[in-house]
Amino acid sequence: KAANRKNIYGQFVSRKEMPNKMGKTFKI
């Protein structure tokens, strides 16, 4: 079994969420 790749970059990411049916562009 291949070792799971570490989330090196992902561990420093904040998470935002956008509702559906609002287009593909997110602004903040």
PDB file of all heavy atoms in Angstrom:
ATOM      1  N   LYS A   1       0.833  -1.198   0.000  1.00  0.00           N
ATOM      2  CA  LYS A   1       0.000   0.000   0.000  1.00  0.00           C
ATOM      3  C   LYS A   1       0.870   1.250   0.000  1.00  0.00           C
ATOM      4  O   LYS A   1       1.732   1.423   0.851  1.00  0.00           O
ATOM      5  CB  LYS A   1      -0.911   0.005   1.229  1.00  0.00           C
ATOM      6  CG  LYS A   1      -1.906   1.163   1.233  1.00  0.00           C
ATOM      7  CD  LYS A   1      -2.817   1.068   2.431  1.00  0.00           C
ATOM      8  CE  LYS A   1      -3.828   2.209   2.429  1.00  0.00           C
ATOM      9  NZ  LYS A   1      -4.732   2.130   3.598  1.00  0.00           N
ATOM     10  N   ALA A   2       0.629   2.077  -0.980  1.00  0.00           N
ATOM     11  CA  ALA A   2       1.390   3.331  -1.056  1.00  0.00           C
ATOM     12  C   ALA A   2       1.040   4.218   0.127  1.00  0.00           C
ATOM     13  O   ALA A   2      -0.118   4.313   0.528  1.00  0.00           O
ATOM     14  CB  ALA A   2       1.080   4.049  -2.368  1.00  0.00           C
ATOM     15  N   ALA A   3       2.059   4.857   0.685  1.00  0.00           N
ATOM     16  CA  ALA A   3       1.822   5.755   1.813  1.00  0.00           C
ATOM     17  C   ALA A   3       1.015   6.959   1.343  1.00  0.00           C
ATOM     18  O   ALA A   3       1.203   7.449   0.233  1.00  0.00           O
ATOM     19  CB  ALA A   3       3.151   6.216   2.392  1.00  0.00           C
ATOM     20  N   ASN A   4       0.105   7.416   2.187  1.00  0.00           N
ATOM     21  CA  ASN A   4      -0.688   8.589   1.835  1.00  0.00           C
ATOM     22  C   ASN A   4       0.224   9.799   1.729  1.00  0.00           C
ATOM     23  O   ASN A   4       1.066  10.036   2.581  1.00  0.00           O
ATOM     24  CB  ASN A   4      -1.753   8.865   2.901  1.00  0.00           C
ATOM     25  CG  ASN A   4      -2.848   7.828   2.895  1.00  0.00           C
ATOM     26  OD1 ASN A   4      -3.187   7.303   1.840  1.00  0.00           O
ATOM     27  ND2 ASN A   4      -3.394   7.533   4.058  1.00  0.00           N
ATOM     28  N   ARG A   5       0.033  10.543   0.674  1.00  0.00           N
ATOM     29  CA  ARG A   5       0.811  11.759   0.498  1.00  0.00           C
ATOM     30  C   ARG A   5       0.456  12.745   1.608  1.00  0.00           C
ATOM     31  O   ARG A   5      -0.703  12.917   1.969  1.00  0.00           O
ATOM     32  CB  ARG A   5       0.523  12.375  -0.870  1.00  0.00           C
ATOM     33  CG  ARG A   5       1.312  13.664  -1.118  1.00  0.00           C
ATOM     34  CD  ARG A   5       0.983  14.216  -2.472  1.00  0.00           C
ATOM     35  NE  ARG A   5       1.551  13.399  -3.514  1.00  0.00           N
ATOM     36  CZ  ARG A   5       2.776  13.559  -4.003  1.00  0.00           C
ATOM     37  NH1 ARG A   5       3.550  14.492  -3.518  1.00  0.00           N
ATOM     38  NH2 ARG A   5       3.220  12.801  -4.963  1.00  0.00           N
ATOM     39  N   LYS A   6       1.467  13.381   2.169  1.00  0.00           N
ATOM     40  CA  LYS A   6       1.223  14.349   3.227  1.00  0.00           C
ATOM     41  C   LYS A   6       0.572  15.611   2.656  1.00  0.00           C
ATOM     42  O   LYS A   6       0.871  16.035   1.557  1.00  0.00           O
ATOM     43  CB  LYS A   6       2.544  14.726   3.909  1.00  0.00           C
ATOM     44  CG  LYS A   6       3.208  13.581   4.652  1.00  0.00           C
ATOM     45  CD  LYS A   6       4.538  14.026   5.247  1.00  0.00           C
ATOM     46  CE  LYS A   6       5.198  12.894   6.009  1.00  0.00           C
ATOM     47  NZ  LYS A   6       6.511  13.299   6.582  1.00  0.00           N
ATOM     48  N   ASN A   7      -0.325  16.183   3.441  1.00  0.00           N
ATOM     49  CA  ASN A   7      -0.949  17.439   3.046  1.00  0.00           C
ATOM     50  C   ASN A   7      -0.079  18.603   3.507  1.00  0.00           C
ATOM     51  O   ASN A   7      -0.408  19.318   4.458  1.00  0.00           O
ATOM     52  CB  ASN A   7      -2.355  17.546   3.639  1.00  0.00           C
ATOM     53  CG  ASN A   7      -3.325  16.612   2.966  1.00  0.00           C
ATOM     54  OD1 ASN A   7      -3.409  16.575   1.747  1.00  0.00           O
ATOM     55  ND2 ASN A   7      -4.052  15.840   3.754  1.00  0.00           N
ATOM     56  N   ILE A   8       1.031  18.784   2.831  1.00  0.00           N
ATOM     57  CA  ILE A   8       1.987  19.807   3.231  1.00  0.00           C
ATOM     58  C   ILE A   8       1.402  21.210   3.025  1.00  0.00           C
ATOM     59  O   ILE A   8       1.420  22.050   3.924  1.00  0.00           O
ATOM     60  CB  ILE A   8       3.303  19.658   2.454  1.00  0.00           C
ATOM     61  CG1 ILE A   8       3.954  18.305   2.763  1.00  0.00           C
ATOM     62  CG2 ILE A   8       4.245  20.816   2.768  1.00  0.00           C
ATOM     63  CD1 ILE A   8       4.350  18.115   4.200  1.00  0.00           C
ATOM     64  N   TYR A   9       0.883  21.464   1.854  1.00  0.00           N
ATOM     65  CA  TYR A   9       0.360  22.793   1.545  1.00  0.00           C
ATOM     66  C   TYR A   9      -1.074  22.952   2.041  1.00  0.00           C
ATOM     67  O   TYR A   9      -1.453  24.017   2.534  1.00  0.00           O
ATOM     68  CB  TYR A   9       0.449  23.052   0.037  1.00  0.00           C
ATOM     69  CG  TYR A   9       1.873  23.030  -0.459  1.00  0.00           C
ATOM     70  CD1 TYR A   9       2.455  21.846  -0.923  1.00  0.00           C
ATOM     71  CD2 TYR A   9       2.661  24.172  -0.428  1.00  0.00           C
ATOM     72  CE1 TYR A   9       3.777  21.809  -1.333  1.00  0.00           C
ATOM     73  CE2 TYR A   9       3.984  24.148  -0.843  1.00  0.00           C
ATOM     74  CZ  TYR A   9       4.533  22.959  -1.289  1.00  0.00           C
ATOM     75  OH  TYR A   9       5.849  22.926  -1.693  1.00  0.00           O
ATOM     76  N   GLY A  10      -1.845  21.893   1.935  1.00  0.00           N
ATOM     77  CA  GLY A  10      -3.243  21.957   2.336  1.00  0.00           C
ATOM     78  C   GLY A  10      -3.459  22.258   3.801  1.00  0.00           C
ATOM     79  O   GLY A  10      -4.504  22.791   4.188  1.00  0.00           O
ATOM     80  N   GLN A  11      -2.471  21.930   4.651  1.00  0.00           N
ATOM     81  CA  GLN A  11      -2.647  22.170   6.084  1.00  0.00           C
ATOM     82  C   GLN A  11      -2.631  23.657   6.438  1.00  0.00           C
ATOM     83  O   GLN A  11      -2.998  24.030   7.556  1.00  0.00           O
ATOM     84  CB  GLN A  11      -1.568  21.432   6.870  1.00  0.00           C
ATOM     85  CG  GLN A  11      -0.155  21.922   6.657  1.00  0.00           C
ATOM     86  CD  GLN A  11       0.888  21.063   7.359  1.00  0.00           C
ATOM     87  OE1 GLN A  11       0.705  20.659   8.496  1.00  0.00           O
ATOM     88  NE2 GLN A  11       1.985  20.754   6.669  1.00  0.00           N
ATOM     89  N   PHE A  12      -2.229  24.506   5.500  1.00  0.00           N
ATOM     90  CA  PHE A  12      -2.187  25.947   5.765  1.00  0.00           C
ATOM     91  C   PHE A  12      -3.263  26.719   5.000  1.00  0.00           C
ATOM     92  O   PHE A  12      -3.163  27.937   4.839  1.00  0.00           O
ATOM     93  CB  PHE A  12      -0.806  26.496   5.404  1.00  0.00           C
ATOM     94  CG  PHE A  12       0.298  25.897   6.218  1.00  0.00           C
ATOM     95  CD1 PHE A  12       1.195  25.022   5.645  1.00  0.00           C
ATOM     96  CD2 PHE A  12       0.420  26.188   7.563  1.00  0.00           C
ATOM     97  CE1 PHE A  12       2.210  24.448   6.394  1.00  0.00           C
ATOM     98  CE2 PHE A  12       1.426  25.622   8.319  1.00  0.00           C
ATOM     99  CZ  PHE A  12       2.324  24.750   7.741  1.00  0.00           C
ATOM    100  N   VAL A  13      -4.268  26.014   4.556  1.00  0.00           N
ATOM    101  CA  VAL A  13      -5.310  26.628   3.738  1.00  0.00           C
ATOM    102  C   VAL A  13      -6.560  26.905   4.572  1.00  0.00           C
ATOM    103  O   VAL A  13      -7.019  26.049   5.324  1.00  0.00           O
ATOM    104  CB  VAL A  13      -5.670  25.699   2.555  1.00  0.00           C
ATOM    105  CG1 VAL A  13      -6.929  26.157   1.858  1.00  0.00           C
ATOM    106  CG2 VAL A  13      -4.503  25.636   1.567  1.00  0.00           C
ATOM    107  N   SER A  14      -7.096  28.113   4.453  1.00  0.00           N
ATOM    108  CA  SER A  14      -8.412  28.415   5.019  1.00  0.00           C
ATOM    109  C   SER A  14      -9.469  27.922   4.042  1.00  0.00           C
ATOM    110  O   SER A  14      -9.202  27.772   2.846  1.00  0.00           O
ATOM    111  CB  SER A  14      -8.561  29.922   5.249  1.00  0.00           C
ATOM    112  OG  SER A  14      -7.601  30.384   6.177  1.00  0.00           O
ATOM    113  N   ARG A  15     -10.666  27.680   4.550  1.00  0.00           N
ATOM    114  CA  ARG A  15     -11.735  27.150   3.703  1.00  0.00           C
ATOM    115  C   ARG A  15     -12.868  28.161   3.579  1.00  0.00           C
ATOM    116  O   ARG A  15     -13.368  28.677   4.571  1.00  0.00           O
ATOM    117  CB  ARG A  15     -12.289  25.848   4.288  1.00  0.00           C
ATOM    118  CG  ARG A  15     -11.227  24.812   4.630  1.00  0.00           C
ATOM    119  CD  ARG A  15     -10.555  24.234   3.407  1.00  0.00           C
ATOM    120  NE  ARG A  15      -9.518  23.275   3.775  1.00  0.00           N
ATOM    121  CZ  ARG A  15      -8.709  22.665   2.921  1.00  0.00           C
ATOM    122  NH1 ARG A  15      -8.828  22.907   1.626  1.00  0.00           N
ATOM    123  NH2 ARG A  15      -7.784  21.817   3.347  1.00  0.00           N
ATOM    124  N   LYS A  16     -13.257  28.432   2.358  1.00  0.00           N
ATOM    125  CA  LYS A  16     -14.421  29.260   2.075  1.00  0.00           C
ATOM    126  C   LYS A  16     -15.442  28.410   1.315  1.00  0.00           C
ATOM    127  O   LYS A  16     -15.095  27.387   0.721  1.00  0.00           O
ATOM    128  CB  LYS A  16     -14.037  30.489   1.241  1.00  0.00           C
ATOM    129  CG  LYS A  16     -12.962  31.379   1.870  1.00  0.00           C
ATOM    130  CD  LYS A  16     -13.438  32.024   3.134  1.00  0.00           C
ATOM    131  CE  LYS A  16     -12.367  32.914   3.744  1.00  0.00           C
ATOM    132  NZ  LYS A  16     -12.783  33.524   5.019  1.00  0.00           N
ATOM    133  N   GLU A  17     -16.677  28.844   1.335  1.00  0.00           N
ATOM    134  CA  GLU A  17     -17.732  28.079   0.657  1.00  0.00           C
ATOM    135  C   GLU A  17     -18.618  29.016  -0.139  1.00  0.00           C
ATOM    136  O   GLU A  17     -18.900  30.145   0.296  1.00  0.00           O
ATOM    137  CB  GLU A  17     -18.569  27.321   1.691  1.00  0.00           C
ATOM    138  CG  GLU A  17     -19.601  26.395   1.064  1.00  0.00           C
ATOM    139  CD  GLU A  17     -20.344  25.580   2.108  1.00  0.00           C
ATOM    140  OE1 GLU A  17     -21.280  26.135   2.741  1.00  0.00           O
ATOM    141  OE2 GLU A  17     -20.004  24.406   2.303  1.00  0.00           O
ATOM    142  N   MET A  18     -19.028  28.556  -1.331  1.00  0.00           N
ATOM    143  CA  MET A  18     -19.909  29.346  -2.176  1.00  0.00           C
ATOM    144  C   MET A  18     -21.175  28.548  -2.475  1.00  0.00           C
ATOM    145  O   MET A  18     -21.095  27.344  -2.771  1.00  0.00           O
ATOM    146  CB  MET A  18     -19.201  29.719  -3.488  1.00  0.00           C
ATOM    147  CG  MET A  18     -19.975  30.742  -4.306  1.00  0.00           C
ATOM    148  SD  MET A  18     -19.064  31.327  -5.754  1.00  0.00           S
ATOM    149  CE  MET A  18     -19.496  30.065  -6.951  1.00  0.00           C
ATOM    150  N   PRO A  19     -22.346  29.179  -2.390  1.00  0.00           N
ATOM    151  CA  PRO A  19     -23.590  28.463  -2.705  1.00  0.00           C
ATOM    152  C   PRO A  19     -23.627  28.029  -4.164  1.00  0.00           C
ATOM    153  O   PRO A  19     -22.966  28.609  -5.028  1.00  0.00           O
ATOM    154  CB  PRO A  19     -24.680  29.506  -2.410  1.00  0.00           C
ATOM    155  CG  PRO A  19     -24.026  30.544  -1.563  1.00  0.00           C
ATOM    156  CD  PRO A  19     -22.582  30.559  -1.971  1.00  0.00           C
ATOM    157  N   ASN A  20     -24.429  27.017  -4.453  1.00  0.00           N
ATOM    158  CA  ASN A  20     -24.637  26.589  -5.838  1.00  0.00           C
ATOM    159  C   ASN A  20     -25.484  27.615  -6.587  1.00  0.00           C
ATOM    160  O   ASN A  20     -26.149  28.463  -5.979  1.00  0.00           O
ATOM    161  CB  ASN A  20     -25.330  25.229  -5.871  1.00  0.00           C
ATOM    162  CG  ASN A  20     -24.473  24.142  -5.255  1.00  0.00           C
ATOM    163  OD1 ASN A  20     -23.245  24.215  -5.302  1.00  0.00           O
ATOM    164  ND2 ASN A  20     -25.097  23.135  -4.673  1.00  0.00           N
ATOM    165  N   LYS A  21     -25.436  27.523  -7.885  1.00  0.00           N
ATOM    166  CA  LYS A  21     -26.255  28.346  -8.787  1.00  0.00           C
ATOM    167  C   LYS A  21     -25.934  29.845  -8.653  1.00  0.00           C
ATOM    168  O   LYS A  21     -26.796  30.701  -8.842  1.00  0.00           O
ATOM    169  CB  LYS A  21     -27.751  28.103  -8.537  1.00  0.00           C
ATOM    170  CG  LYS A  21     -28.167  26.644  -8.661  1.00  0.00           C
ATOM    171  CD  LYS A  21     -29.665  26.474  -8.482  1.00  0.00           C
ATOM    172  CE  LYS A  21     -30.051  25.001  -8.437  1.00  0.00           C
ATOM    173  NZ  LYS A  21     -29.683  24.267  -9.648  1.00  0.00           N
ATOM    174  N   MET A  22     -24.668  30.139  -8.340  1.00  0.00           N
ATOM    175  CA  MET A  22     -24.239  31.534  -8.205  1.00  0.00           C
ATOM    176  C   MET A  22     -23.083  31.859  -9.155  1.00  0.00           C
ATOM    177  O   MET A  22     -22.331  32.810  -8.931  1.00  0.00           O
ATOM    178  CB  MET A  22     -23.810  31.823  -6.763  1.00  0.00           C
ATOM    179  CG  MET A  22     -24.905  31.646  -5.729  1.00  0.00           C
ATOM    180  SD  MET A  22     -26.237  32.857  -5.882  1.00  0.00           S
ATOM    181  CE  MET A  22     -25.407  34.332  -5.329  1.00  0.00           C
ATOM    182  N   GLY A  23     -22.938  31.064 -10.216  1.00  0.00           N
ATOM    183  CA  GLY A  23     -21.854  31.289 -11.151  1.00  0.00           C
ATOM    184  C   GLY A  23     -20.572  30.618 -10.698  1.00  0.00           C
ATOM    185  O   GLY A  23     -20.523  29.938  -9.671  1.00  0.00           O
ATOM    186  N   LYS A  24     -19.492  30.826 -11.467  1.00  0.00           N
ATOM    187  CA  LYS A  24     -18.202  30.191 -11.176  1.00  0.00           C
ATOM    188  C   LYS A  24     -17.189  31.131 -10.533  1.00  0.00           C
ATOM    189  O   LYS A  24     -16.088  30.714 -10.194  1.00  0.00           O
ATOM    190  CB  LYS A  24     -17.595  29.621 -12.470  1.00  0.00           C
ATOM    191  CG  LYS A  24     -18.289  28.387 -13.012  1.00  0.00           C
ATOM    192  CD  LYS A  24     -17.520  27.841 -14.200  1.00  0.00           C
ATOM    193  CE  LYS A  24     -18.140  26.545 -14.713  1.00  0.00           C
ATOM    194  NZ  LYS A  24     -17.365  25.983 -15.853  1.00  0.00           N
ATOM    195  N   THR A  25     -17.555  32.395 -10.354  1.00  0.00           N
ATOM    196  CA  THR A  25     -16.620  33.373  -9.809  1.00  0.00           C
ATOM    197  C   THR A  25     -16.936  33.670  -8.347  1.00  0.00           C
ATOM    198  O   THR A  25     -18.083  33.951  -7.999  1.00  0.00           O
ATOM    199  CB  THR A  25     -16.647  34.678 -10.618  1.00  0.00           C
ATOM    200  OG1 THR A  25     -16.300  34.394 -11.979  1.00  0.00           O
ATOM    201  CG2 THR A  25     -15.659  35.685 -10.057  1.00  0.00           C
ATOM    202  N   PHE A  26     -15.915  33.602  -7.515  1.00  0.00           N
ATOM    203  CA  PHE A  26     -16.047  33.888  -6.085  1.00  0.00           C
ATOM    204  C   PHE A  26     -15.302  35.175  -5.781  1.00  0.00           C
ATOM    205  O   PHE A  26     -14.140  35.342  -6.169  1.00  0.00           O
ATOM    206  CB  PHE A  26     -15.466  32.727  -5.268  1.00  0.00           C
ATOM    207  CG  PHE A  26     -15.442  32.957  -3.781  1.00  0.00           C
ATOM    208  CD1 PHE A  26     -16.545  32.657  -2.989  1.00  0.00           C
ATOM    209  CD2 PHE A  26     -14.308  33.479  -3.161  1.00  0.00           C
ATOM    210  CE1 PHE A  26     -16.522  32.865  -1.624  1.00  0.00           C
ATOM    211  CE2 PHE A  26     -14.276  33.685  -1.790  1.00  0.00           C
ATOM    212  CZ  PHE A  26     -15.389  33.378  -1.021  1.00  0.00           C
ATOM    213  N   LYS A  27     -15.943  36.099  -5.066  1.00  0.00           N
ATOM    214  CA  LYS A  27     -15.318  37.366  -4.699  1.00  0.00           C
ATOM    215  C   LYS A  27     -15.395  37.563  -3.193  1.00  0.00           C
ATOM    216  O   LYS A  27     -16.353  37.132  -2.545  1.00  0.00           O
ATOM    217  CB  LYS A  27     -16.009  38.542  -5.394  1.00  0.00           C
ATOM    218  CG  LYS A  27     -15.887  38.550  -6.914  1.00  0.00           C
ATOM    219  CD  LYS A  27     -16.519  39.802  -7.515  1.00  0.00           C
ATOM    220  CE  LYS A  27     -16.370  39.829  -9.028  1.00  0.00           C
ATOM    221  NZ  LYS A  27     -16.926  41.065  -9.630  1.00  0.00           N
ATOM    222  N   ILE A  28     -14.388  38.218  -2.655  1.00  0.00           N
ATOM    223  CA  ILE A  28     -14.380  38.535  -1.230  1.00  0.00           C
ATOM    224  C   ILE A  28     -13.666  39.867  -1.048  1.00  0.00           C
ATOM    225  O   ILE A  28     -12.702  40.172  -1.762  1.00  0.00           O
ATOM    226  CB  ILE A  28     -13.701  37.410  -0.410  1.00  0.00           C
ATOM    227  CG1 ILE A  28     -13.886  37.646   1.085  1.00  0.00           C
ATOM    228  CG2 ILE A  28     -12.228  37.271  -0.766  1.00  0.00           C
ATOM    229  CD1 ILE A  28     -13.476  36.454   1.937  1.00  0.00           C
TER     230      ILE A  28
END
